Amino acid sequence: MDIQAIIDQVVQTVTNAPEKINDILADPRAAIEDITGQTLGEGDLTQIVDGVKDRVLSGGIDLSAIDLSQIDLSKLGGITSLLGGGSGSSPLEGIMGGIGSLFGKK
C-alpha cells in the first residue's frame, strides 16, 4: 500500500471513529499499523503523520465529533518528549497544533 493510500485509510478511520485519535496520539505507529494491518518504516510513519496533519489543518477531517475532554492524555506519558520537547521536531506536535487550532487554540 502506498503512503497516500495509508493516509486516506487513516483519515477515513478517524472520520468514522473520532475516538481513534486517542490511539494515534498515544502510539501513532501502533495505531496506524493496526488501522492498515501493515508494518511501517520510520520514514513512512513521518510521511503518514505529516499527511494526516495536513488533512487536519486543511479541514479535510471533520473533528467536530471529538470531545477534547475525552482525549486520554495520560496515554501520552511523557508528552513533552513525544511532541519533540517543544522544538517542533515531532510530527505529533503538528497534529496537536492542528487539533488545537480547529478549536481556537494555538
PDB file of N, CA and C in Angstrom:
ATOM      1  N   MET A   1       0.863  -1.175   0.000  1.00  0.00           N
ATOM      2  CA  MET A   1       0.000   0.000   0.000  1.00  0.00           C
ATOM      3  C   MET A   1       0.905   1.232   0.000  1.00  0.00           C
ATOM      4  N   ASP A   2       0.596   2.181  -0.857  1.00  0.00           N
ATOM      5  CA  ASP A   2       1.428   3.377  -0.905  1.00  0.00           C
ATOM      6  C   ASP A   2       1.046   4.351   0.218  1.00  0.00           C
ATOM      7  N   ILE A   3       1.905   5.330   0.435  1.00  0.00           N
ATOM      8  CA  ILE A   3       1.748   6.286   1.536  1.00  0.00           C
ATOM      9  C   ILE A   3       0.417   7.019   1.435  1.00  0.00           C
ATOM     10  N   GLN A   4       0.040   7.473   0.248  1.00  0.00           N
ATOM     11  CA  GLN A   4      -1.216   8.213   0.086  1.00  0.00           C
ATOM     12  C   GLN A   4      -2.410   7.342   0.444  1.00  0.00           C
ATOM     13  N   ALA A   5      -2.366   6.076   0.059  1.00  0.00           N
ATOM     14  CA  ALA A   5      -3.467   5.158   0.390  1.00  0.00           C
ATOM     15  C   ALA A   5      -3.565   4.956   1.898  1.00  0.00           C
ATOM     16  N   ILE A   6      -2.420   4.889   2.572  1.00  0.00           N
ATOM     17  CA  ILE A   6      -2.419   4.740   4.027  1.00  0.00           C
ATOM     18  C   ILE A   6      -2.988   5.996   4.677  1.00  0.00           C
ATOM     19  N   ILE A   7      -2.574   7.163   4.196  1.00  0.00           N
ATOM     20  CA  ILE A   7      -3.103   8.434   4.723  1.00  0.00           C
ATOM     21  C   ILE A   7      -4.618   8.451   4.556  1.00  0.00           C
ATOM     22  N   ASP A   8      -5.092   8.081   3.374  1.00  0.00           N
ATOM     23  CA  ASP A   8      -6.531   8.048   3.116  1.00  0.00           C
ATOM     24  C   ASP A   8      -7.244   7.105   4.080  1.00  0.00           C
ATOM     25  N   GLN A   9      -6.630   5.944   4.327  1.00  0.00           N
ATOM     26  CA  GLN A   9      -7.240   4.961   5.217  1.00  0.00           C
ATOM     27  C   GLN A   9      -7.287   5.481   6.658  1.00  0.00           C
ATOM     28  N   VAL A  10      -6.221   6.117   7.114  1.00  0.00           N
ATOM     29  CA  VAL A  10      -6.191   6.681   8.469  1.00  0.00           C
ATOM     30  C   VAL A  10      -7.224   7.802   8.592  1.00  0.00           C
ATOM     31  N   VAL A  11      -7.282   8.680   7.607  1.00  0.00           N
ATOM     32  CA  VAL A  11      -8.246   9.780   7.627  1.00  0.00           C
ATOM     33  C   VAL A  11      -9.671   9.229   7.666  1.00  0.00           C
ATOM     34  N   GLN A  12      -9.954   8.234   6.848  1.00  0.00           N
ATOM     35  CA  GLN A  12     -11.284   7.630   6.825  1.00  0.00           C
ATOM     36  C   GLN A  12     -11.624   7.005   8.175  1.00  0.00           C
ATOM     37  N   THR A  13     -10.662   6.331   8.777  1.00  0.00           N
ATOM     38  CA  THR A  13     -10.887   5.703  10.079  1.00  0.00           C
ATOM     39  C   THR A  13     -11.180   6.746  11.141  1.00  0.00           C
ATOM     40  N   VAL A  14     -10.398   7.822  11.179  1.00  0.00           N
ATOM     41  CA  VAL A  14     -10.605   8.878  12.173  1.00  0.00           C
ATOM     42  C   VAL A  14     -11.933   9.599  11.921  1.00  0.00           C
ATOM     43  N   THR A  15     -12.290   9.779  10.664  1.00  0.00           N
ATOM     44  CA  THR A  15     -13.562  10.410  10.334  1.00  0.00           C
ATOM     45  C   THR A  15     -14.733   9.563  10.825  1.00  0.00           C
ATOM     46  N   ASN A  16     -14.635   8.249  10.637  1.00  0.00           N
ATOM     47  CA  ASN A  16     -15.708   7.340  11.032  1.00  0.00           C
ATOM     48  C   ASN A  16     -15.706   7.014  12.525  1.00  0.00           C
ATOM     49  N   ALA A  17     -14.545   7.079  13.148  1.00  0.00           N
ATOM     50  CA  ALA A  17     -14.416   6.744  14.579  1.00  0.00           C
ATOM     51  C   ALA A  17     -13.474   7.754  15.233  1.00  0.00           C
ATOM     52  N   PRO A  18     -13.964   8.966  15.513  1.00  0.00           N
ATOM     53  CA  PRO A  18     -13.099  10.024  16.044  1.00  0.00           C
ATOM     54  C   PRO A  18     -12.346   9.643  17.313  1.00  0.00           C
ATOM     55  N   GLU A  19     -12.867   8.680  18.070  1.00  0.00           N
ATOM     56  CA  GLU A  19     -12.171   8.255  19.283  1.00  0.00           C
ATOM     57  C   GLU A  19     -10.816   7.610  18.973  1.00  0.00           C
ATOM     58  N   LYS A  20     -10.602   7.208  17.726  1.00  0.00           N
ATOM     59  CA  LYS A  20      -9.312   6.616  17.320  1.00  0.00           C
ATOM     60  C   LYS A  20      -8.164   7.618  17.458  1.00  0.00           C
ATOM     61  N   ILE A  21      -8.499   8.902  17.537  1.00  0.00           N
ATOM     62  CA  ILE A  21      -7.446   9.906  17.707  1.00  0.00           C
ATOM     63  C   ILE A  21      -6.663   9.639  18.983  1.00  0.00           C
ATOM     64  N   ASN A  22      -7.334   9.104  20.023  1.00  0.00           N
ATOM     65  CA  ASN A  22      -6.645   8.732  21.263  1.00  0.00           C
ATOM     66  C   ASN A  22      -5.526   7.743  20.982  1.00  0.00           C
ATOM     67  N   ASP A  23      -5.837   6.713  20.201  1.00  0.00           N
ATOM     68  CA  ASP A  23      -4.843   5.687  19.886  1.00  0.00           C
ATOM     69  C   ASP A  23      -3.692   6.276  19.077  1.00  0.00           C
ATOM     70  N   ILE A  24      -4.029   7.143  18.129  1.00  0.00           N
ATOM     71  CA  ILE A  24      -2.989   7.743  17.285  1.00  0.00           C
ATOM     72  C   ILE A  24      -2.079   8.645  18.103  1.00  0.00           C
ATOM     73  N   LEU A  25      -2.663   9.421  19.015  1.00  0.00           N
ATOM     74  CA  LEU A  25      -1.848  10.301  19.843  1.00  0.00           C
ATOM     75  C   LEU A  25      -0.998   9.513  20.832  1.00  0.00           C
ATOM     76  N   ALA A  26      -1.541   8.419  21.353  1.00  0.00           N
ATOM     77  CA  ALA A  26      -0.820   7.616  22.337  1.00  0.00           C
ATOM     78  C   ALA A  26       0.349   6.867  21.715  1.00  0.00           C
ATOM     79  N   ASP A  27       0.130   6.280  20.547  1.00  0.00           N
ATOM     80  CA  ASP A  27       1.172   5.487  19.889  1.00  0.00           C
ATOM     81  C   ASP A  27       0.880   5.464  18.394  1.00  0.00           C
ATOM     82  N   PRO A  28       1.344   6.501  17.689  1.00  0.00           N
ATOM     83  CA  PRO A  28       0.995   6.615  16.266  1.00  0.00           C
ATOM     84  C   PRO A  28       1.366   5.395  15.438  1.00  0.00           C
ATOM     85  N   ARG A  29       2.543   4.853  15.665  1.00  0.00           N
ATOM     86  CA  ARG A  29       2.976   3.690  14.869  1.00  0.00           C
ATOM     87  C   ARG A  29       2.019   2.517  15.074  1.00  0.00           C
ATOM     88  N   ALA A  30       1.760   2.163  16.325  1.00  0.00           N
ATOM     89  CA  ALA A  30       0.892   1.018  16.610  1.00  0.00           C
ATOM     90  C   ALA A  30      -0.524   1.261  16.084  1.00  0.00           C
ATOM     91  N   ALA A  31      -1.037   2.471  16.259  1.00  0.00           N
ATOM     92  CA  ALA A  31      -2.402   2.773  15.809  1.00  0.00           C
ATOM     93  C   ALA A  31      -2.513   2.679  14.292  1.00  0.00           C
ATOM     94  N   ILE A  32      -1.541   3.251  13.593  1.00  0.00           N
ATOM     95  CA  ILE A  32      -1.588   3.234  12.128  1.00  0.00           C
ATOM     96  C   ILE A  32      -1.363   1.816  11.609  1.00  0.00           C
ATOM     97  N   GLU A  33      -0.467   1.067  12.246  1.00  0.00           N
ATOM     98  CA  GLU A  33      -0.264  -0.326  11.848  1.00  0.00           C
ATOM     99  C   GLU A  33      -1.521  -1.146  12.100  1.00  0.00           C
ATOM    100  N   ASP A  34      -2.240  -0.844  13.192  1.00  0.00           N
ATOM    101  CA  ASP A  34      -3.494  -1.534  13.488  1.00  0.00           C
ATOM    102  C   ASP A  34      -4.557  -1.191  12.439  1.00  0.00           C
ATOM    103  N   ILE A  35      -4.635   0.067  12.066  1.00  0.00           N
ATOM    104  CA  ILE A  35      -5.621   0.511  11.070  1.00  0.00           C
ATOM    105  C   ILE A  35      -5.348  -0.128   9.716  1.00  0.00           C
ATOM    106  N   THR A  36      -4.079  -0.172   9.328  1.00  0.00           N
ATOM    107  CA  THR A  36      -3.731  -0.630   7.977  1.00  0.00           C
ATOM    108  C   THR A  36      -3.369  -2.108   7.897  1.00  0.00           C
ATOM    109  N   GLY A  37      -2.969  -2.681   9.025  1.00  0.00           N
ATOM    110  CA  GLY A  37      -2.504  -4.065   9.009  1.00  0.00           C
ATOM    111  C   GLY A  37      -1.119  -4.216   8.417  1.00  0.00           C
ATOM    112  N   GLN A  38      -0.376  -3.102   8.320  1.00  0.00           N
ATOM    113  CA  GLN A  38       0.961  -3.131   7.738  1.00  0.00           C
ATOM    114  C   GLN A  38       1.997  -2.629   8.729  1.00  0.00           C
ATOM    115  N   THR A  39       3.207  -3.141   8.628  1.00  0.00           N
ATOM    116  CA  THR A  39       4.327  -2.653   9.416  1.00  0.00           C
ATOM    117  C   THR A  39       4.912  -1.433   8.715  1.00  0.00           C
ATOM    118  N   LEU A  40       5.169  -0.382   9.493  1.00  0.00           N
ATOM    119  CA  LEU A  40       5.658   0.870   8.918  1.00  0.00           C
ATOM    120  C   LEU A  40       7.135   1.080   9.207  1.00  0.00           C
ATOM    121  N   GLY A  41       7.833   1.664   8.244  1.00  0.00           N
ATOM    122  CA  GLY A  41       9.191   2.115   8.465  1.00  0.00           C
ATOM    123  C   GLY A  41       9.166   3.506   9.089  1.00  0.00           C
ATOM    124  N   GLU A  42      10.286   3.940   9.635  1.00  0.00           N
ATOM    125  CA  GLU A  42      10.349   5.253  10.293  1.00  0.00           C
ATOM    126  C   GLU A  42       9.998   6.383   9.334  1.00  0.00           C
ATOM    127  N   GLY A  43      10.538   6.339   8.134  1.00  0.00           N
ATOM    128  CA  GLY A  43      10.231   7.376   7.145  1.00  0.00           C
ATOM    129  C   GLY A  43       8.766   7.350   6.741  1.00  0.00           C
ATOM    130  N   ASP A  44       8.215   6.136   6.638  1.00  0.00           N
ATOM    131  CA  ASP A  44       6.794   6.007   6.305  1.00  0.00           C
ATOM    132  C   ASP A  44       5.937   6.662   7.377  1.00  0.00           C
ATOM    133  N   LEU A  45       6.256   6.410   8.645  1.00  0.00           N
ATOM    134  CA  LEU A  45       5.473   6.963   9.742  1.00  0.00           C
ATOM    135  C   LEU A  45       5.466   8.486   9.680  1.00  0.00           C
ATOM    136  N   THR A  46       6.616   9.078   9.460  1.00  0.00           N
ATOM    137  CA  THR A  46       6.714  10.535   9.384  1.00  0.00           C
ATOM    138  C   THR A  46       5.876  11.072   8.233  1.00  0.00           C
ATOM    139  N   GLN A  47       5.968  10.445   7.070  1.00  0.00           N
ATOM    140  CA  GLN A  47       5.186  10.889   5.911  1.00  0.00           C
ATOM    141  C   GLN A  47       3.691  10.758   6.164  1.00  0.00           C
ATOM    142  N   ILE A  48       3.292   9.668   6.794  1.00  0.00           N
ATOM    143  CA  ILE A  48       1.872   9.440   7.068  1.00  0.00           C
ATOM    144  C   ILE A  48       1.350  10.460   8.067  1.00  0.00           C
ATOM    145  N   VAL A  49       2.087  10.656   9.157  1.00  0.00           N
ATOM    146  CA  VAL A  49       1.655  11.626  10.170  1.00  0.00           C
ATOM    147  C   VAL A  49       1.597  13.019   9.555  1.00  0.00           C
ATOM    148  N   ASP A  50       2.579  13.379   8.740  1.00  0.00           N
ATOM    149  CA  ASP A  50       2.555  14.684   8.072  1.00  0.00           C
ATOM    150  C   ASP A  50       1.339  14.807   7.151  1.00  0.00           C
ATOM    151  N   GLY A  51       1.018  13.734   6.420  1.00  0.00           N
ATOM    152  CA  GLY A  51      -0.136  13.756   5.530  1.00  0.00           C
ATOM    153  C   GLY A  51      -1.450  13.901   6.281  1.00  0.00           C
ATOM    154  N   VAL A  52      -1.575  13.186   7.404  1.00  0.00           N
ATOM    155  CA  VAL A  52      -2.785  13.299   8.223  1.00  0.00           C
ATOM    156  C   VAL A  52      -2.863  14.697   8.819  1.00  0.00           C
ATOM    157  N   LYS A  53      -1.725  15.208   9.288  1.00  0.00           N
ATOM    158  CA  LYS A  53      -1.675  16.569   9.847  1.00  0.00           C
ATOM    159  C   LYS A  53      -2.134  17.585   8.805  1.00  0.00           C
ATOM    160  N   ASP A  54      -1.663  17.438   7.563  1.00  0.00           N
ATOM    161  CA  ASP A  54      -2.067  18.359   6.503  1.00  0.00           C
ATOM    162  C   ASP A  54      -3.575  18.316   6.269  1.00  0.00           C
ATOM    163  N   ARG A  55      -4.148  17.117   6.332  1.00  0.00           N
ATOM    164  CA  ARG A  55      -5.602  16.987   6.168  1.00  0.00           C
ATOM    165  C   ARG A  55      -6.341  17.663   7.319  1.00  0.00           C
ATOM    166  N   VAL A  56      -5.821  17.506   8.541  1.00  0.00           N
ATOM    167  CA  VAL A  56      -6.447  18.148   9.706  1.00  0.00           C
ATOM    168  C   VAL A  56      -6.407  19.657   9.530  1.00  0.00           C
ATOM    169  N   LEU A  57      -5.234  20.177   9.179  1.00  0.00           N
ATOM    170  CA  LEU A  57      -5.070  21.624   9.053  1.00  0.00           C
ATOM    171  C   LEU A  57      -5.887  22.213   7.904  1.00  0.00           C
ATOM    172  N   SER A  58      -6.102  21.435   6.858  1.00  0.00           N
ATOM    173  CA  SER A  58      -6.869  21.934   5.717  1.00  0.00           C
ATOM    174  C   SER A  58      -8.373  21.747   5.901  1.00  0.00           C
ATOM    175  N   GLY A  59      -8.765  21.156   7.018  1.00  0.00           N
ATOM    176  CA  GLY A  59     -10.183  20.912   7.261  1.00  0.00           C
ATOM    177  C   GLY A  59     -10.690  19.665   6.569  1.00  0.00           C
ATOM    178  N   GLY A  60      -9.779  18.825   6.086  1.00  0.00           N
ATOM    179  CA  GLY A  60     -10.158  17.605   5.385  1.00  0.00           C
ATOM    180  C   GLY A  60     -10.653  16.497   6.290  1.00  0.00           C
ATOM    181  N   ILE A  61     -10.576  16.703   7.586  1.00  0.00           N
ATOM    182  CA  ILE A  61     -11.111  15.740   8.543  1.00  0.00           C
ATOM    183  C   ILE A  61     -12.071  16.506   9.438  1.00  0.00           C
ATOM    184  N   ASP A  62     -13.277  15.991   9.566  1.00  0.00           N
ATOM    185  CA  ASP A  62     -14.256  16.614  10.448  1.00  0.00           C
ATOM    186  C   ASP A  62     -14.016  16.117  11.868  1.00  0.00           C
ATOM    187  N   LEU A  63     -13.442  16.984  12.689  1.00  0.00           N
ATOM    188  CA  LEU A  63     -13.142  16.621  14.074  1.00  0.00           C
ATOM    189  C   LEU A  63     -14.175  17.182  15.043  1.00  0.00           C
ATOM    190  N   SER A  64     -15.286  17.664  14.517  1.00  0.00           N
ATOM    191  CA  SER A  64     -16.291  18.278  15.381  1.00  0.00           C
ATOM    192  C   SER A  64     -16.899  17.284  16.357  1.00  0.00           C
ATOM    193  N   ALA A  65     -16.838  15.988  16.037  1.00  0.00           N
ATOM    194  CA  ALA A  65     -17.408  14.976  16.928  1.00  0.00           C
ATOM    195  C   ALA A  65     -16.461  14.594  18.063  1.00  0.00           C
ATOM    196  N   ILE A  66     -15.234  15.096  18.012  1.00  0.00           N
ATOM    197  CA  ILE A  66     -14.275  14.745  19.058  1.00  0.00           C
ATOM    198  C   ILE A  66     -14.526  15.613  20.270  1.00  0.00           C
ATOM    199  N   ASP A  67     -14.740  14.958  21.389  1.00  0.00           N
ATOM    200  CA  ASP A  67     -14.872  15.640  22.669  1.00  0.00           C
ATOM    201  C   ASP A  67     -13.468  15.702  23.261  1.00  0.00           C
ATOM    202  N   LEU A  68     -12.857  16.873  23.207  1.00  0.00           N
ATOM    203  CA  LEU A  68     -11.474  17.010  23.666  1.00  0.00           C
ATOM    204  C   LEU A  68     -11.302  16.576  25.111  1.00  0.00           C
ATOM    205  N   SER A  69     -12.358  16.680  25.901  1.00  0.00           N
ATOM    206  CA  SER A  69     -12.250  16.256  27.298  1.00  0.00           C
ATOM    207  C   SER A  69     -12.116  14.740  27.415  1.00  0.00           C
ATOM    208  N   GLN A  70     -12.434  14.029  26.332  1.00  0.00           N
ATOM    209  CA  GLN A  70     -12.343  12.569  26.346  1.00  0.00           C
ATOM    210  C   GLN A  70     -11.003  12.047  25.832  1.00  0.00           C
ATOM    211  N   ILE A  71     -10.146  12.936  25.357  1.00  0.00           N
ATOM    212  CA  ILE A  71      -8.816  12.505  24.920  1.00  0.00           C
ATOM    213  C   ILE A  71      -8.004  12.200  26.161  1.00  0.00           C
ATOM    214  N   ASP A  72      -7.563  10.971  26.260  1.00  0.00           N
ATOM    215  CA  ASP A  72      -6.852  10.494  27.441  1.00  0.00           C
ATOM    216  C   ASP A  72      -5.374  10.841  27.337  1.00  0.00           C
ATOM    217  N   LEU A  73      -5.027  12.009  27.865  1.00  0.00           N
ATOM    218  CA  LEU A  73      -3.640  12.471  27.777  1.00  0.00           C
ATOM    219  C   LEU A  73      -2.695  11.626  28.622  1.00  0.00           C
ATOM    220  N   SER A  74      -3.228  10.861  29.567  1.00  0.00           N
ATOM    221  CA  SER A  74      -2.356  10.012  30.377  1.00  0.00           C
ATOM    222  C   SER A  74      -1.704   8.927  29.527  1.00  0.00           C
ATOM    223  N   LYS A  75      -2.330   8.579  28.395  1.00  0.00           N
ATOM    224  CA  LYS A  75      -1.736   7.600  27.491  1.00  0.00           C
ATOM    225  C   LYS A  75      -0.469   8.143  26.840  1.00  0.00           C
ATOM    226  N   LEU A  76      -0.333   9.450  26.851  1.00  0.00           N
ATOM    227  CA  LEU A  76       0.811  10.051  26.180  1.00  0.00           C
ATOM    228  C   LEU A  76       2.085   9.945  26.987  1.00  0.00           C
ATOM    229  N   GLY A  77       1.960   9.658  28.285  1.00  0.00           N
ATOM    230  CA  GLY A  77       3.153   9.539  29.112  1.00  0.00           C
ATOM    231  C   GLY A  77       3.937  10.830  29.099  1.00  0.00           C
ATOM    232  N   GLY A  78       5.149  10.799  28.592  1.00  0.00           N
ATOM    233  CA  GLY A  78       5.993  11.990  28.514  1.00  0.00           C
ATOM    234  C   GLY A  78       5.608  12.824  27.314  1.00  0.00           C
ATOM    235  N   ILE A  79       4.545  13.568  27.434  1.00  0.00           N
ATOM    236  CA  ILE A  79       4.019  14.336  26.304  1.00  0.00           C
ATOM    237  C   ILE A  79       5.064  15.274  25.712  1.00  0.00           C
ATOM    238  N   THR A  80       5.909  15.836  26.558  1.00  0.00           N
ATOM    239  CA  THR A  80       6.921  16.763  26.057  1.00  0.00           C
ATOM    240  C   THR A  80       7.870  16.074  25.094  1.00  0.00           C
ATOM    241  N   SER A  81       8.324  14.876  25.446  1.00  0.00           N
ATOM    242  CA  SER A  81       9.252  14.187  24.558  1.00  0.00           C
ATOM    243  C   SER A  81       8.558  13.716  23.289  1.00  0.00           C
ATOM    244  N   LEU A  82       7.298  13.282  23.398  1.00  0.00           N
ATOM    245  CA  LEU A  82       6.573  12.855  22.209  1.00  0.00           C
ATOM    246  C   LEU A  82       6.338  14.005  21.244  1.00  0.00           C
ATOM    247  N   LEU A  83       6.186  15.194  21.801  1.00  0.00           N
ATOM    248  CA  LEU A  83       5.928  16.358  20.963  1.00  0.00           C
ATOM    249  C   LEU A  83       7.214  17.069  20.569  1.00  0.00           C
ATOM    250  N   GLY A  84       8.326  16.422  20.742  1.00  0.00           N
ATOM    251  CA  GLY A  84       9.593  16.990  20.315  1.00  0.00           C
ATOM    252  C   GLY A  84      10.137  18.012  21.292  1.00  0.00           C
ATOM    253  N   GLY A  85       9.680  17.978  22.541  1.00  0.00           N
ATOM    254  CA  GLY A  85      10.193  18.892  23.549  1.00  0.00           C
ATOM    255  C   GLY A  85       9.947  20.342  23.207  1.00  0.00           C
ATOM    256  N   GLY A  86       8.930  20.611  22.396  1.00  0.00           N
ATOM    257  CA  GLY A  86       8.627  21.989  22.015  1.00  0.00           C
ATOM    258  C   GLY A  86       9.519  22.511  20.910  1.00  0.00           C
ATOM    259  N   SER A  87      10.353  21.638  20.375  1.00  0.00           N
ATOM    260  CA  SER A  87      11.303  22.071  19.350  1.00  0.00           C
ATOM    261  C   SER A  87      10.694  22.088  17.953  1.00  0.00           C
ATOM    262  N   GLY A  88       9.470  21.557  17.827  1.00  0.00           N
ATOM    263  CA  GLY A  88       8.844  21.493  16.508  1.00  0.00           C
ATOM    264  C   GLY A  88       9.351  20.338  15.674  1.00  0.00           C
ATOM    265  N   SER A  89      10.098  19.411  16.308  1.00  0.00           N
ATOM    266  CA  SER A  89      10.710  18.336  15.555  1.00  0.00           C
ATOM    267  C   SER A  89       9.837  17.094  15.433  1.00  0.00           C
ATOM    268  N   SER A  90       8.731  17.024  16.144  1.00  0.00           N
ATOM    269  CA  SER A  90       7.909  15.834  16.124  1.00  0.00           C
ATOM    270  C   SER A  90       6.670  16.029  15.253  1.00  0.00           C
ATOM    271  N   PRO A  91       6.325  15.023  14.449  1.00  0.00           N
ATOM    272  CA  PRO A  91       5.101  15.132  13.663  1.00  0.00           C
ATOM    273  C   PRO A  91       3.861  15.247  14.542  1.00  0.00           C
ATOM    274  N   LEU A  92       3.908  14.671  15.741  1.00  0.00           N
ATOM    275  CA  LEU A  92       2.752  14.763  16.631  1.00  0.00           C
ATOM    276  C   LEU A  92       2.475  16.194  17.051  1.00  0.00           C
ATOM    277  N   GLU A  93       3.515  17.009  17.122  1.00  0.00           N
ATOM    278  CA  GLU A  93       3.319  18.407  17.500  1.00  0.00           C
ATOM    279  C   GLU A  93       2.404  19.095  16.500  1.00  0.00           C
ATOM    280  N   GLY A  94       2.580  18.782  15.227  1.00  0.00           N
ATOM    281  CA  GLY A  94       1.732  19.376  14.203  1.00  0.00           C
ATOM    282  C   GLY A  94       0.290  18.925  14.303  1.00  0.00           C
ATOM    283  N   ILE A  95       0.070  17.648  14.614  1.00  0.00           N
ATOM    284  CA  ILE A  95      -1.290  17.144  14.773  1.00  0.00           C
ATOM    285  C   ILE A  95      -1.956  17.815  15.959  1.00  0.00           C
ATOM    286  N   MET A  96      -1.257  17.881  17.091  1.00  0.00           N
ATOM    287  CA  MET A  96      -1.830  18.513  18.281  1.00  0.00           C
ATOM    288  C   MET A  96      -2.113  19.991  17.997  1.00  0.00           C
ATOM    289  N   GLY A  97      -1.209  20.654  17.304  1.00  0.00           N
ATOM    290  CA  GLY A  97      -1.424  22.057  16.957  1.00  0.00           C
ATOM    291  C   GLY A  97      -2.612  22.216  16.026  1.00  0.00           C
ATOM    292  N   GLY A  98      -2.740  21.292  15.075  1.00  0.00           N
ATOM    293  CA  GLY A  98      -3.864  21.340  14.152  1.00  0.00           C
ATOM    294  C   GLY A  98      -5.188  21.138  14.856  1.00  0.00           C
ATOM    295  N   ILE A  99      -5.237  20.185  15.762  1.00  0.00           N
ATOM    296  CA  ILE A  99      -6.458  19.953  16.526  1.00  0.00           C
ATOM    297  C   ILE A  99      -6.774  21.179  17.371  1.00  0.00           C
ATOM    298  N   GLY A 100      -5.761  21.720  18.025  1.00  0.00           N
ATOM    299  CA  GLY A 100      -5.976  22.912  18.846  1.00  0.00           C
ATOM    300  C   GLY A 100      -6.451  24.091  18.031  1.00  0.00           C
ATOM    301  N   SER A 101      -5.885  24.283  16.849  1.00  0.00           N
ATOM    302  CA  SER A 101      -6.285  25.422  16.027  1.00  0.00           C
ATOM    303  C   SER A 101      -7.725  25.316  15.551  1.00  0.00           C
ATOM    304  N   LEU A 102      -8.199  24.086  15.370  1.00  0.00           N
ATOM    305  CA  LEU A 102      -9.597  23.909  14.963  1.00  0.00           C
ATOM    306  C   LEU A 102     -10.554  24.346  16.065  1.00  0.00           C
ATOM    307  N   PHE A 103     -10.054  24.355  17.282  1.00  0.00           N
ATOM    308  CA  PHE A 103     -10.882  24.741  18.416  1.00  0.00           C
ATOM    309  C   PHE A 103     -10.456  26.097  18.969  1.00  0.00           C
ATOM    310  N   GLY A 104      -9.742  26.886  18.158  1.00  0.00           N
ATOM    311  CA  GLY A 104      -9.400  28.250  18.527  1.00  0.00           C
ATOM    312  C   GLY A 104      -8.202  28.380  19.430  1.00  0.00           C
ATOM    313  N   LYS A 105      -7.358  27.351  19.527  1.00  0.00           N
ATOM    314  CA  LYS A 105      -6.165  27.423  20.361  1.00  0.00           C
ATOM    315  C   LYS A 105      -4.948  27.194  19.504  1.00  0.00           C
ATOM    316  N   LYS A 106      -3.849  27.820  19.903  1.00  0.00           N
ATOM    317  CA  LYS A 106      -2.583  27.625  19.172  1.00  0.00           C
ATOM    318  C   LYS A 106      -1.531  27.152  20.115  1.00  0.00           C
TER     319      LYS A 106
END
